[in-house]
N, C-alpha and C. Protein backbone atom coordinates (compact mmCIF):
# COMPACT_ATOMS: atom_id res chain seq x y z
N MET A 1 176.95 228.22 -14.40
CA MET A 1 178.13 227.36 -14.40
C MET A 1 178.04 226.39 -15.55
N LYS A 2 179.22 226.25 -16.36
CA LYS A 2 179.20 225.34 -17.52
C LYS A 2 179.27 223.91 -17.06
N LYS A 3 178.66 223.05 -17.91
CA LYS A 3 178.70 221.62 -17.60
C LYS A 3 180.12 221.12 -17.75
N SER A 4 180.49 220.26 -16.87
CA SER A 4 181.85 219.70 -16.93
C SER A 4 181.95 218.69 -18.07
N SER A 5 183.10 218.76 -18.76
CA SER A 5 183.33 217.81 -19.88
C SER A 5 183.93 216.51 -19.41
N VAL A 6 184.09 216.39 -18.11
CA VAL A 6 184.67 215.16 -17.55
C VAL A 6 183.54 214.22 -17.17
N TYR A 7 183.57 213.03 -17.74
CA TYR A 7 182.54 212.06 -17.42
C TYR A 7 182.97 211.23 -16.23
N THR A 8 181.98 210.77 -15.53
CA THR A 8 182.26 209.86 -14.43
C THR A 8 182.48 208.46 -14.99
N THR A 9 183.06 207.64 -14.19
CA THR A 9 183.31 206.25 -14.62
C THR A 9 182.01 205.54 -14.91
N ALA A 10 180.99 205.77 -14.14
CA ALA A 10 179.70 205.10 -14.36
C ALA A 10 179.09 205.54 -15.66
N SER A 11 179.17 206.84 -15.98
CA SER A 11 178.57 207.32 -17.23
C SER A 11 179.32 206.78 -18.43
N LEU A 12 180.62 206.65 -18.31
CA LEU A 12 181.41 206.09 -19.42
C LEU A 12 181.05 204.64 -19.68
N LEU A 13 180.90 203.89 -18.64
CA LEU A 13 180.52 202.48 -18.79
C LEU A 13 179.15 202.36 -19.45
N GLN A 14 178.24 203.24 -19.07
CA GLN A 14 176.90 203.20 -19.67
C GLN A 14 176.95 203.53 -21.15
N LYS A 15 177.75 204.55 -21.53
CA LYS A 15 177.84 204.92 -22.94
C LYS A 15 178.56 203.82 -23.74
N PHE A 16 179.51 203.18 -23.11
CA PHE A 16 180.21 202.09 -23.82
C PHE A 16 179.28 200.95 -24.15
N HIS A 17 178.43 200.57 -23.17
CA HIS A 17 177.49 199.47 -23.40
C HIS A 17 176.47 199.84 -24.45
N LEU A 18 176.12 201.12 -24.56
CA LEU A 18 175.11 201.52 -25.53
C LEU A 18 175.69 201.62 -26.92
N PHE A 19 176.88 202.14 -27.04
CA PHE A 19 177.43 202.44 -28.36
C PHE A 19 178.64 201.60 -28.74
N GLY A 20 179.15 200.80 -27.81
CA GLY A 20 180.36 200.01 -28.11
C GLY A 20 180.15 199.00 -29.22
N LEU A 21 179.00 198.29 -29.22
CA LEU A 21 178.73 197.28 -30.25
C LEU A 21 178.66 197.91 -31.62
N ALA A 22 178.00 199.07 -31.75
CA ALA A 22 177.90 199.76 -33.04
C ALA A 22 179.27 200.22 -33.51
N ALA A 23 180.08 200.67 -32.59
CA ALA A 23 181.41 201.16 -32.97
C ALA A 23 182.28 200.02 -33.48
N LEU A 24 182.21 198.87 -32.83
CA LEU A 24 183.00 197.72 -33.26
C LEU A 24 182.51 197.19 -34.60
N THR A 25 181.17 197.21 -34.77
CA THR A 25 180.60 196.73 -36.03
C THR A 25 181.03 197.60 -37.19
N ALA A 26 181.17 198.88 -36.97
CA ALA A 26 181.58 199.81 -38.03
C ALA A 26 183.07 199.81 -38.23
N GLY A 27 183.83 199.03 -37.47
CA GLY A 27 185.27 198.95 -37.63
C GLY A 27 186.00 200.14 -37.06
N LEU A 28 185.35 200.87 -36.11
CA LEU A 28 185.98 202.06 -35.54
C LEU A 28 186.63 201.72 -34.22
N ALA A 29 187.59 202.54 -33.81
CA ALA A 29 188.24 202.35 -32.52
C ALA A 29 187.61 203.27 -31.50
N LEU A 30 187.40 202.72 -30.33
CA LEU A 30 186.90 203.57 -29.26
C LEU A 30 188.00 204.52 -28.82
N PRO A 31 187.65 205.76 -28.46
CA PRO A 31 188.69 206.72 -28.05
C PRO A 31 189.31 206.33 -26.74
N ALA A 32 190.57 206.66 -26.60
CA ALA A 32 191.28 206.39 -25.34
C ALA A 32 191.07 207.58 -24.42
N TYR A 33 190.33 207.40 -23.33
CA TYR A 33 190.04 208.49 -22.42
C TYR A 33 191.09 208.55 -21.34
N ALA A 34 191.41 209.68 -20.98
CA ALA A 34 192.39 209.84 -19.90
C ALA A 34 191.71 209.60 -18.58
N GLY A 35 192.47 209.20 -17.68
CA GLY A 35 191.94 209.06 -16.34
C GLY A 35 191.80 207.64 -15.91
N GLY A 36 192.75 207.16 -15.15
CA GLY A 36 192.65 205.84 -14.56
C GLY A 36 192.89 204.72 -15.55
N GLY A 37 192.40 203.54 -15.21
CA GLY A 37 192.62 202.35 -16.05
C GLY A 37 191.51 202.10 -17.01
N LEU A 38 190.55 203.03 -17.15
CA LEU A 38 189.42 202.80 -18.04
C LEU A 38 189.85 202.72 -19.48
N ALA A 39 190.74 203.65 -19.89
CA ALA A 39 191.17 203.63 -21.30
C ALA A 39 191.89 202.34 -21.62
N GLY A 40 192.75 201.88 -20.72
CA GLY A 40 193.47 200.62 -20.97
C GLY A 40 192.55 199.43 -21.00
N ALA A 41 191.44 199.50 -20.29
CA ALA A 41 190.52 198.36 -20.23
C ALA A 41 189.65 198.27 -21.44
N TYR A 42 189.23 199.41 -22.02
CA TYR A 42 188.24 199.36 -23.09
C TYR A 42 188.74 199.93 -24.40
N HIS A 43 190.00 200.35 -24.49
CA HIS A 43 190.51 200.87 -25.76
C HIS A 43 190.75 199.72 -26.75
N GLN A 44 190.24 199.85 -27.96
CA GLN A 44 190.43 198.86 -29.02
C GLN A 44 191.26 199.48 -30.13
N PRO A 45 192.34 198.81 -30.60
CA PRO A 45 193.14 199.36 -31.71
C PRO A 45 192.37 199.31 -33.02
N LEU A 46 192.75 200.16 -33.94
CA LEU A 46 192.11 200.20 -35.26
C LEU A 46 192.44 198.93 -36.04
N ILE A 47 191.40 198.26 -36.53
CA ILE A 47 191.57 197.02 -37.28
C ILE A 47 191.77 197.37 -38.75
N LYS A 48 192.93 197.05 -39.33
CA LYS A 48 193.23 197.33 -40.72
C LYS A 48 193.09 196.07 -41.55
N PRO A 49 192.50 196.20 -42.74
CA PRO A 49 192.36 195.01 -43.59
C PRO A 49 193.74 194.55 -44.09
N GLY A 50 193.87 193.28 -44.41
CA GLY A 50 195.14 192.74 -44.91
C GLY A 50 195.26 191.27 -44.57
N VAL A 51 196.40 190.69 -44.91
CA VAL A 51 196.66 189.28 -44.68
C VAL A 51 197.42 189.12 -43.39
N ILE A 52 196.91 188.28 -42.52
CA ILE A 52 197.59 188.02 -41.25
C ILE A 52 198.64 186.94 -41.48
N LYS A 53 199.90 187.26 -41.25
CA LYS A 53 200.99 186.29 -41.45
C LYS A 53 201.19 185.47 -40.18
N PRO A 54 201.24 184.17 -40.30
CA PRO A 54 201.45 183.35 -39.10
C PRO A 54 202.86 183.55 -38.56
N VAL A 55 202.97 183.41 -37.29
CA VAL A 55 204.27 183.53 -36.64
C VAL A 55 205.02 182.22 -36.82
N VAL A 56 206.22 182.29 -37.40
CA VAL A 56 207.01 181.10 -37.68
C VAL A 56 208.25 181.10 -36.83
N ASN A 57 208.44 180.02 -36.14
CA ASN A 57 209.65 179.85 -35.35
C ASN A 57 210.74 179.28 -36.26
N LYS A 58 211.68 180.14 -36.64
CA LYS A 58 212.71 179.71 -37.59
C LYS A 58 213.58 178.58 -37.03
N ASN A 59 213.69 178.53 -35.74
CA ASN A 59 214.51 177.47 -35.15
C ASN A 59 213.92 176.08 -35.41
N GLN A 60 212.57 176.03 -35.45
CA GLN A 60 211.91 174.74 -35.68
C GLN A 60 212.08 174.26 -37.11
N LEU A 61 212.30 175.18 -38.06
CA LEU A 61 212.43 174.79 -39.46
C LEU A 61 213.68 173.96 -39.69
N PHE A 62 214.70 174.18 -38.90
CA PHE A 62 215.98 173.52 -39.13
C PHE A 62 216.29 172.48 -38.06
N GLN A 63 215.29 172.14 -37.26
CA GLN A 63 215.51 171.09 -36.28
C GLN A 63 215.58 169.74 -36.96
N LYS A 64 216.52 168.90 -36.57
CA LYS A 64 216.69 167.56 -37.12
C LYS A 64 215.69 166.62 -36.48
N LYS A 65 214.87 165.99 -37.30
CA LYS A 65 213.86 165.07 -36.80
C LYS A 65 214.49 163.70 -36.61
N THR A 66 214.24 163.13 -35.46
CA THR A 66 214.79 161.81 -35.17
C THR A 66 214.01 160.75 -35.94
N GLY A 67 214.71 159.72 -36.39
CA GLY A 67 214.06 158.61 -37.08
C GLY A 67 213.87 158.83 -38.57
N VAL A 68 214.24 159.98 -39.11
CA VAL A 68 214.08 160.28 -40.53
C VAL A 68 215.46 160.43 -41.14
N ARG A 69 215.78 159.61 -42.15
CA ARG A 69 217.09 159.65 -42.79
C ARG A 69 216.93 159.99 -44.26
N ALA A 70 217.61 161.00 -44.71
CA ALA A 70 217.52 161.42 -46.10
C ALA A 70 218.25 160.41 -46.98
N LEU A 71 217.61 160.01 -48.10
CA LEU A 71 218.21 159.06 -49.01
C LEU A 71 219.31 159.74 -49.83
N PRO A 72 220.42 159.06 -50.07
CA PRO A 72 221.48 159.67 -50.87
C PRO A 72 221.05 159.84 -52.32
N LEU A 73 221.54 160.88 -52.96
CA LEU A 73 221.22 161.11 -54.35
C LEU A 73 221.97 160.13 -55.23
N ARG A 74 221.29 159.57 -56.23
CA ARG A 74 221.91 158.63 -57.15
C ARG A 74 222.12 159.30 -58.50
N SER A 75 223.25 158.95 -59.09
CA SER A 75 223.56 159.53 -60.39
C SER A 75 222.65 158.91 -61.46
N ASN A 76 222.25 159.71 -62.42
CA ASN A 76 221.42 159.21 -63.51
C ASN A 76 222.27 158.80 -64.71
N THR A 77 223.58 158.69 -64.54
CA THR A 77 224.46 158.24 -65.61
C THR A 77 225.03 156.88 -65.26
N CYS A 78 225.08 155.99 -66.24
CA CYS A 78 225.64 154.67 -66.03
C CYS A 78 225.92 154.03 -67.38
N PRO A 79 226.83 153.05 -67.43
CA PRO A 79 227.13 152.37 -68.69
C PRO A 79 226.05 151.35 -69.04
N ASP A 80 225.96 151.03 -70.33
CA ASP A 80 225.00 150.02 -70.81
C ASP A 80 225.66 149.27 -71.97
N LEU A 81 225.99 148.01 -71.73
CA LEU A 81 226.70 147.20 -72.72
C LEU A 81 225.73 146.37 -73.55
N VAL A 82 225.96 146.32 -74.85
CA VAL A 82 225.17 145.49 -75.77
C VAL A 82 226.12 144.80 -76.75
N ILE A 83 225.66 143.68 -77.30
CA ILE A 83 226.42 142.97 -78.34
C ILE A 83 225.79 143.32 -79.68
N GLN A 84 226.61 143.75 -80.60
CA GLN A 84 226.11 144.19 -81.90
C GLN A 84 226.94 143.59 -83.04
N GLY A 85 226.29 143.55 -84.24
CA GLY A 85 227.00 143.25 -85.47
C GLY A 85 227.54 141.85 -85.62
N LEU A 86 226.87 140.85 -85.08
CA LEU A 86 227.35 139.47 -85.25
C LEU A 86 227.30 139.06 -86.73
N HIS A 87 228.39 138.49 -87.22
CA HIS A 87 228.44 138.05 -88.62
C HIS A 87 229.47 136.92 -88.76
N VAL A 88 229.40 136.24 -89.89
CA VAL A 88 230.28 135.09 -90.16
C VAL A 88 231.54 135.57 -90.89
N ILE A 89 232.68 135.03 -90.46
CA ILE A 89 233.95 135.34 -91.13
C ILE A 89 234.75 134.05 -91.34
N ASN A 90 235.65 134.06 -92.34
CA ASN A 90 236.65 133.01 -92.55
C ASN A 90 236.02 131.61 -92.66
N MET A 91 235.06 131.46 -93.55
CA MET A 91 234.44 130.16 -93.75
C MET A 91 235.43 129.20 -94.41
N GLN A 92 235.49 127.97 -93.90
CA GLN A 92 236.33 126.92 -94.46
C GLN A 92 235.60 125.59 -94.36
N TYR A 93 236.04 124.64 -95.20
CA TYR A 93 235.44 123.31 -95.15
C TYR A 93 236.56 122.29 -94.99
N ASN A 94 236.39 121.37 -94.02
CA ASN A 94 237.42 120.37 -93.77
C ASN A 94 236.81 119.16 -93.06
N ASN A 95 236.98 117.97 -93.67
CA ASN A 95 236.52 116.72 -93.06
C ASN A 95 235.04 116.74 -92.69
N GLY A 96 234.21 117.24 -93.63
CA GLY A 96 232.77 117.22 -93.43
C GLY A 96 232.24 118.29 -92.51
N GLN A 97 233.06 119.22 -92.12
CA GLN A 97 232.64 120.31 -91.23
C GLN A 97 232.95 121.66 -91.87
N TYR A 98 232.01 122.57 -91.67
CA TYR A 98 232.25 123.96 -92.04
C TYR A 98 232.74 124.69 -90.78
N ALA A 99 233.98 125.12 -90.86
CA ALA A 99 234.54 125.88 -89.75
C ALA A 99 234.50 127.38 -90.09
N PHE A 100 234.11 128.17 -89.16
CA PHE A 100 233.98 129.62 -89.41
C PHE A 100 234.08 130.37 -88.09
N GLY A 101 234.32 131.63 -88.21
CA GLY A 101 234.35 132.49 -87.04
C GLY A 101 233.08 133.34 -86.96
N VAL A 102 232.70 133.64 -85.73
CA VAL A 102 231.60 134.59 -85.47
C VAL A 102 232.23 135.82 -84.83
N ALA A 103 232.03 136.96 -85.45
CA ALA A 103 232.64 138.20 -84.96
C ALA A 103 231.56 139.23 -84.67
N GLY A 104 231.86 140.12 -83.75
CA GLY A 104 230.96 141.22 -83.41
C GLY A 104 231.66 142.17 -82.46
N VAL A 105 230.91 143.05 -81.86
CA VAL A 105 231.49 144.01 -80.91
C VAL A 105 230.61 144.09 -79.67
N VAL A 106 231.25 144.43 -78.56
CA VAL A 106 230.53 144.83 -77.35
C VAL A 106 230.57 146.35 -77.32
N ARG A 107 229.42 146.98 -77.42
CA ARG A 107 229.35 148.45 -77.48
C ARG A 107 228.71 149.00 -76.21
N ASN A 108 229.24 150.12 -75.77
CA ASN A 108 228.69 150.82 -74.62
C ASN A 108 227.75 151.92 -75.11
N VAL A 109 226.44 151.68 -75.03
CA VAL A 109 225.44 152.65 -75.49
C VAL A 109 224.91 153.49 -74.33
N GLY A 110 225.54 153.36 -73.15
CA GLY A 110 225.09 154.12 -71.98
C GLY A 110 225.65 155.52 -71.95
N SER A 111 225.50 156.18 -70.80
CA SER A 111 225.88 157.58 -70.64
C SER A 111 227.13 157.76 -69.79
N ALA A 112 227.86 156.65 -69.53
CA ALA A 112 229.09 156.72 -68.74
C ALA A 112 230.05 155.64 -69.20
N ASP A 113 231.34 155.83 -68.95
CA ASP A 113 232.34 154.82 -69.30
C ASP A 113 232.14 153.57 -68.46
N TYR A 114 232.44 152.42 -69.08
CA TYR A 114 232.44 151.15 -68.34
C TYR A 114 233.89 150.87 -67.97
N VAL A 115 234.17 150.86 -66.66
CA VAL A 115 235.53 150.69 -66.16
C VAL A 115 235.55 149.48 -65.23
N SER A 116 236.34 148.45 -65.61
CA SER A 116 236.33 147.21 -64.85
C SER A 116 237.61 146.43 -65.12
N ARG A 117 237.90 145.48 -64.26
CA ARG A 117 239.04 144.59 -64.48
C ARG A 117 238.71 143.59 -65.58
N PRO A 118 239.69 143.15 -66.38
CA PRO A 118 239.41 142.26 -67.52
C PRO A 118 238.81 140.92 -67.14
N ASN A 119 239.00 140.48 -65.91
CA ASN A 119 238.50 139.15 -65.53
C ASN A 119 237.10 139.18 -64.94
N GLN A 120 236.41 140.30 -65.01
CA GLN A 120 235.10 140.39 -64.37
C GLN A 120 233.92 140.28 -65.33
N GLN A 121 234.14 140.25 -66.63
CA GLN A 121 233.05 140.18 -67.60
C GLN A 121 233.55 139.49 -68.87
N SER A 122 232.62 138.86 -69.57
CA SER A 122 232.98 138.14 -70.79
C SER A 122 231.77 138.03 -71.70
N VAL A 123 232.01 137.61 -72.93
CA VAL A 123 230.95 137.23 -73.86
C VAL A 123 231.00 135.72 -74.01
N ASN A 124 229.88 135.06 -73.73
CA ASN A 124 229.78 133.61 -73.87
C ASN A 124 229.05 133.27 -75.16
N PHE A 125 229.67 132.44 -76.00
CA PHE A 125 229.08 131.99 -77.26
C PHE A 125 228.65 130.54 -77.12
N SER A 126 227.39 130.27 -77.43
CA SER A 126 226.86 128.91 -77.30
C SER A 126 225.99 128.58 -78.50
N GLY A 127 225.67 127.28 -78.64
CA GLY A 127 224.77 126.82 -79.70
C GLY A 127 225.34 125.71 -80.53
N ALA A 128 226.66 125.63 -80.63
CA ALA A 128 227.31 124.57 -81.41
C ALA A 128 228.52 124.08 -80.64
N GLY A 129 228.33 122.98 -79.91
CA GLY A 129 229.42 122.44 -79.12
C GLY A 129 229.60 123.18 -77.80
N PRO A 130 230.79 123.07 -77.20
CA PRO A 130 231.05 123.71 -75.90
C PRO A 130 230.92 125.23 -75.99
N VAL A 131 230.64 125.83 -74.83
CA VAL A 131 230.54 127.29 -74.75
C VAL A 131 231.93 127.91 -74.88
N ARG A 132 232.04 128.91 -75.72
CA ARG A 132 233.27 129.66 -75.86
C ARG A 132 233.11 131.00 -75.15
N SER A 133 234.13 131.41 -74.39
CA SER A 133 234.08 132.66 -73.64
C SER A 133 235.25 133.55 -74.03
N LEU A 134 234.98 134.82 -74.18
CA LEU A 134 236.01 135.81 -74.48
C LEU A 134 235.84 136.97 -73.50
N ARG A 135 236.85 137.15 -72.64
CA ARG A 135 236.79 138.21 -71.64
C ARG A 135 237.21 139.55 -72.23
N PHE A 136 236.74 140.62 -71.60
CA PHE A 136 237.11 141.97 -72.02
C PHE A 136 237.15 142.86 -70.81
N GLY A 137 237.63 144.10 -70.99
CA GLY A 137 237.77 145.04 -69.87
C GLY A 137 236.98 146.31 -70.08
N ASN A 138 237.68 147.44 -70.11
CA ASN A 138 237.01 148.74 -70.18
C ASN A 138 236.37 148.99 -71.54
N VAL A 139 235.21 149.64 -71.52
CA VAL A 139 234.53 150.05 -72.75
C VAL A 139 234.09 151.51 -72.56
N PRO A 140 234.71 152.46 -73.25
CA PRO A 140 234.33 153.87 -73.06
C PRO A 140 232.91 154.15 -73.56
N ARG A 141 232.34 155.21 -73.09
CA ARG A 141 231.00 155.61 -73.53
C ARG A 141 231.00 155.85 -75.04
N GLY A 142 230.10 155.16 -75.74
CA GLY A 142 230.02 155.28 -77.19
C GLY A 142 231.04 154.43 -77.92
N GLY A 143 231.96 153.78 -77.19
CA GLY A 143 232.99 152.96 -77.82
C GLY A 143 232.63 151.49 -77.84
N SER A 144 233.53 150.68 -78.35
CA SER A 144 233.28 149.25 -78.47
C SER A 144 234.59 148.47 -78.41
N VAL A 145 234.48 147.18 -78.12
CA VAL A 145 235.62 146.26 -78.16
C VAL A 145 235.21 145.05 -79.01
N GLN A 146 236.19 144.45 -79.70
CA GLN A 146 235.93 143.31 -80.56
C GLN A 146 235.67 142.06 -79.73
N THR A 147 234.83 141.19 -80.27
CA THR A 147 234.58 139.90 -79.64
C THR A 147 234.30 138.88 -80.72
N GLY A 148 234.41 137.59 -80.38
CA GLY A 148 234.14 136.55 -81.38
C GLY A 148 234.56 135.18 -80.88
N ALA A 149 234.25 134.16 -81.69
CA ALA A 149 234.58 132.77 -81.38
C ALA A 149 234.58 131.97 -82.67
N VAL A 150 235.14 130.75 -82.63
CA VAL A 150 235.24 129.87 -83.79
C VAL A 150 234.35 128.64 -83.57
N PHE A 151 233.63 128.25 -84.65
CA PHE A 151 232.71 127.11 -84.57
C PHE A 151 232.91 126.18 -85.77
N GLY A 152 232.41 124.95 -85.60
CA GLY A 152 232.37 124.00 -86.70
C GLY A 152 231.00 123.35 -86.74
N VAL A 153 230.34 123.37 -87.90
CA VAL A 153 229.00 122.78 -88.06
C VAL A 153 228.96 121.98 -89.36
N PRO A 154 228.07 120.97 -89.43
CA PRO A 154 227.97 120.18 -90.66
C PRO A 154 227.25 120.92 -91.79
N GLY A 155 226.50 121.95 -91.44
CA GLY A 155 225.75 122.69 -92.45
C GLY A 155 224.37 122.12 -92.67
N GLY A 156 223.59 122.80 -93.51
CA GLY A 156 222.24 122.34 -93.83
C GLY A 156 221.30 122.44 -92.66
N GLU A 157 220.44 121.42 -92.53
CA GLU A 157 219.40 121.46 -91.50
C GLU A 157 219.95 121.29 -90.09
N PHE A 158 221.21 120.90 -89.97
CA PHE A 158 221.79 120.69 -88.64
C PHE A 158 222.53 121.92 -88.12
N THR A 159 222.45 122.99 -88.83
CA THR A 159 223.11 124.23 -88.39
C THR A 159 222.30 124.88 -87.26
N PRO A 160 222.94 125.16 -86.13
CA PRO A 160 222.21 125.80 -85.02
C PRO A 160 222.31 127.32 -85.08
N ASP A 161 221.49 127.97 -84.27
CA ASP A 161 221.70 129.40 -83.99
C ASP A 161 222.91 129.54 -83.06
N ILE A 162 223.67 130.60 -83.26
CA ILE A 162 224.76 130.92 -82.34
C ILE A 162 224.29 132.08 -81.45
N ILE A 163 224.37 131.86 -80.14
CA ILE A 163 223.88 132.84 -79.16
C ILE A 163 225.06 133.43 -78.41
N ALA A 164 225.14 134.74 -78.39
CA ALA A 164 226.18 135.46 -77.64
C ALA A 164 225.52 136.17 -76.46
N THR A 165 226.08 135.94 -75.26
CA THR A 165 225.49 136.49 -74.04
C THR A 165 226.57 137.16 -73.20
N LEU A 166 226.27 138.35 -72.71
CA LEU A 166 227.17 139.00 -71.77
C LEU A 166 227.07 138.32 -70.41
N SER A 167 228.22 138.04 -69.81
CA SER A 167 228.27 137.38 -68.51
C SER A 167 229.13 138.20 -67.56
N PHE A 168 228.67 138.35 -66.32
CA PHE A 168 229.38 139.15 -65.32
C PHE A 168 229.65 138.29 -64.09
N ASP A 169 230.85 138.41 -63.55
CA ASP A 169 231.19 137.67 -62.34
C ASP A 169 230.29 138.08 -61.18
N PRO A 170 229.99 137.14 -60.27
CA PRO A 170 229.08 137.47 -59.16
C PRO A 170 229.57 138.60 -58.27
N ASP A 171 230.89 138.78 -58.15
CA ASP A 171 231.40 139.80 -57.24
C ASP A 171 231.37 141.20 -57.84
N ILE A 172 230.85 141.36 -59.05
CA ILE A 172 230.88 142.67 -59.70
C ILE A 172 229.94 143.66 -59.01
N LYS A 173 228.94 143.16 -58.29
CA LYS A 173 228.04 144.04 -57.56
C LYS A 173 228.54 144.33 -56.15
N MET A 174 229.63 143.68 -55.76
CA MET A 174 230.14 143.85 -54.40
C MET A 174 231.55 144.40 -54.37
N ASP A 175 232.08 144.81 -55.51
CA ASP A 175 233.47 145.28 -55.54
C ASP A 175 233.62 146.76 -55.26
N LYS A 176 232.52 147.43 -54.88
CA LYS A 176 232.52 148.86 -54.54
C LYS A 176 232.93 149.74 -55.73
N ASN A 177 232.82 149.17 -56.92
CA ASN A 177 233.09 149.93 -58.14
C ASN A 177 231.78 150.11 -58.88
N THR A 178 231.18 151.28 -58.75
CA THR A 178 229.89 151.53 -59.41
C THR A 178 230.05 151.75 -60.90
N ARG A 179 231.26 151.91 -61.39
CA ARG A 179 231.47 152.19 -62.81
C ARG A 179 231.37 150.93 -63.67
N ASN A 180 231.28 149.76 -63.06
CA ASN A 180 231.04 148.55 -63.84
C ASN A 180 229.67 147.93 -63.53
N ASP A 181 228.77 148.74 -62.99
CA ASP A 181 227.37 148.33 -62.80
C ASP A 181 226.55 148.94 -63.92
N GLU A 182 226.17 148.12 -64.88
CA GLU A 182 225.51 148.67 -66.06
C GLU A 182 224.01 148.87 -65.83
N CYS A 183 223.41 149.69 -66.69
CA CYS A 183 222.02 150.12 -66.50
C CYS A 183 220.99 149.04 -66.83
N ASN A 184 221.20 148.33 -67.93
CA ASN A 184 220.12 147.54 -68.50
C ASN A 184 220.60 146.12 -68.76
N ALA A 185 220.05 145.16 -68.03
CA ALA A 185 220.41 143.75 -68.23
C ALA A 185 219.51 143.06 -69.25
N ARG A 186 218.53 143.78 -69.81
CA ARG A 186 217.59 143.15 -70.75
C ARG A 186 218.13 143.09 -72.18
N ASN A 187 219.25 143.76 -72.44
CA ASN A 187 219.78 143.77 -73.81
C ASN A 187 221.17 143.13 -73.88
N ASN A 188 221.39 142.10 -73.03
CA ASN A 188 222.71 141.49 -72.92
C ASN A 188 222.85 140.21 -73.73
N LYS A 189 222.00 140.05 -74.74
CA LYS A 189 222.08 138.83 -75.57
C LYS A 189 221.83 139.18 -77.03
N ALA A 190 222.55 138.48 -77.91
CA ALA A 190 222.36 138.65 -79.36
C ALA A 190 222.42 137.27 -80.01
N VAL A 191 221.74 137.12 -81.13
CA VAL A 191 221.64 135.82 -81.82
C VAL A 191 222.09 135.97 -83.26
N LEU A 192 222.95 135.06 -83.68
CA LEU A 192 223.30 134.93 -85.10
C LEU A 192 222.49 133.76 -85.64
N SER A 193 221.51 134.04 -86.49
CA SER A 193 220.55 133.05 -86.94
C SER A 193 221.19 131.96 -87.79
N ARG A 194 220.65 130.75 -87.72
CA ARG A 194 221.10 129.64 -88.57
C ARG A 194 220.88 129.96 -90.05
N LEU A 195 219.88 130.79 -90.33
CA LEU A 195 219.65 131.19 -91.72
C LEU A 195 220.83 131.99 -92.27
N VAL A 196 221.36 132.87 -91.43
CA VAL A 196 222.52 133.67 -91.85
C VAL A 196 223.75 132.77 -92.02
N ILE A 197 223.91 131.82 -91.11
CA ILE A 197 225.07 130.91 -91.21
C ILE A 197 224.97 130.04 -92.46
N ASN A 198 223.81 129.49 -92.73
CA ASN A 198 223.63 128.66 -93.93
C ASN A 198 223.80 129.47 -95.21
N GLN A 199 223.40 130.73 -95.19
CA GLN A 199 223.63 131.59 -96.34
C GLN A 199 225.12 131.78 -96.58
N ALA A 200 225.90 131.92 -95.52
CA ALA A 200 227.35 132.03 -95.66
C ALA A 200 227.95 130.73 -96.18
N ILE A 201 227.41 129.61 -95.75
CA ILE A 201 227.88 128.31 -96.25
C ILE A 201 227.58 128.17 -97.74
N ASN A 202 226.37 128.55 -98.16
CA ASN A 202 225.99 128.46 -99.58
C ASN A 202 226.88 129.38 -100.44
N ASN A 203 227.16 130.56 -99.93
CA ASN A 203 228.04 131.47 -100.67
C ASN A 203 229.44 130.87 -100.80
N TYR A 204 229.92 130.22 -99.77
CA TYR A 204 231.23 129.57 -99.81
C TYR A 204 231.23 128.45 -100.86
N ASN A 205 230.17 127.65 -100.89
CA ASN A 205 230.10 126.55 -101.84
C ASN A 205 230.06 127.06 -103.28
N ARG A 206 229.30 128.11 -103.52
CA ARG A 206 229.23 128.66 -104.88
C ARG A 206 230.59 129.24 -105.30
N THR A 207 231.24 129.89 -104.34
CA THR A 207 232.55 130.48 -104.66
C THR A 207 233.57 129.42 -105.05
N HIS A 208 233.46 128.25 -104.43
CA HIS A 208 234.42 127.18 -104.71
C HIS A 208 233.89 126.16 -105.72
N GLY A 209 232.73 126.47 -106.33
CA GLY A 209 232.19 125.63 -107.40
C GLY A 209 231.68 124.30 -106.94
N TRP A 210 231.27 124.18 -105.68
CA TRP A 210 230.77 122.89 -105.20
C TRP A 210 229.27 122.75 -105.39
N ARG A 211 228.56 123.84 -105.47
CA ARG A 211 227.11 123.77 -105.63
C ARG A 211 226.66 124.89 -106.55
C-alpha cells in the first residue's frame, strides 16, 4: 500500500515549526494546503520589494481647521511720489529783497497710478518766512505734476535753504482708497540749497550790472 500524501494536522504543525522560520527568512511564501482552517491560519502572501505608500484620507486634506485664518494677498504694486528738479525762476530785486520762485515737479516713480482727491495731499515749502502749500491730485505712473512757491530773501549770508515736503491729510489712510497709499515715505522731501539760491542771485546781479 502506497503512503498517503495527506498529512495530518499535527504533522503539518511540526513541519511548519521546523521550516517556517527558514521559509520566511528566504522571502518565500508557505504553500496553502487544502483542508480545514490550517491554510488560512498559516498562509503568508509573497512579499514583493517596493515602496509602501501610506494611506491618505483625502477628506482630511480639505477639512477646514478652526482658529486658522488665511491672510489676504497683497498687491506688490503701489504709487511712490517724490519731489524732483527744484530750481530758481523769475529772480527780481525790490526794496532790499530778492524775490524769486521755486519750481519743481511731483513725480510718481512707483508701479501704479496715484489716484486721490485734490484736497488730500500737498507740497509744503518752508525755510524763508511762512510755509507755502500747493495742493495737487492724481499723478499717473511715471508722470508728474508741477509744483512751486514764491519767496523773498535779502541774499548773501542770510539766504536759507528752501525745503519742500510732501504732506498727506490724516484721513488718507482711512478713506478706503488704496490707490493713494504710497509705497515709500522716506523720499518725501527735497532741498533747494542756499548755495544754489545765492548763485542765482549773483547771476541776476551780473546780468543787471550791479556786481
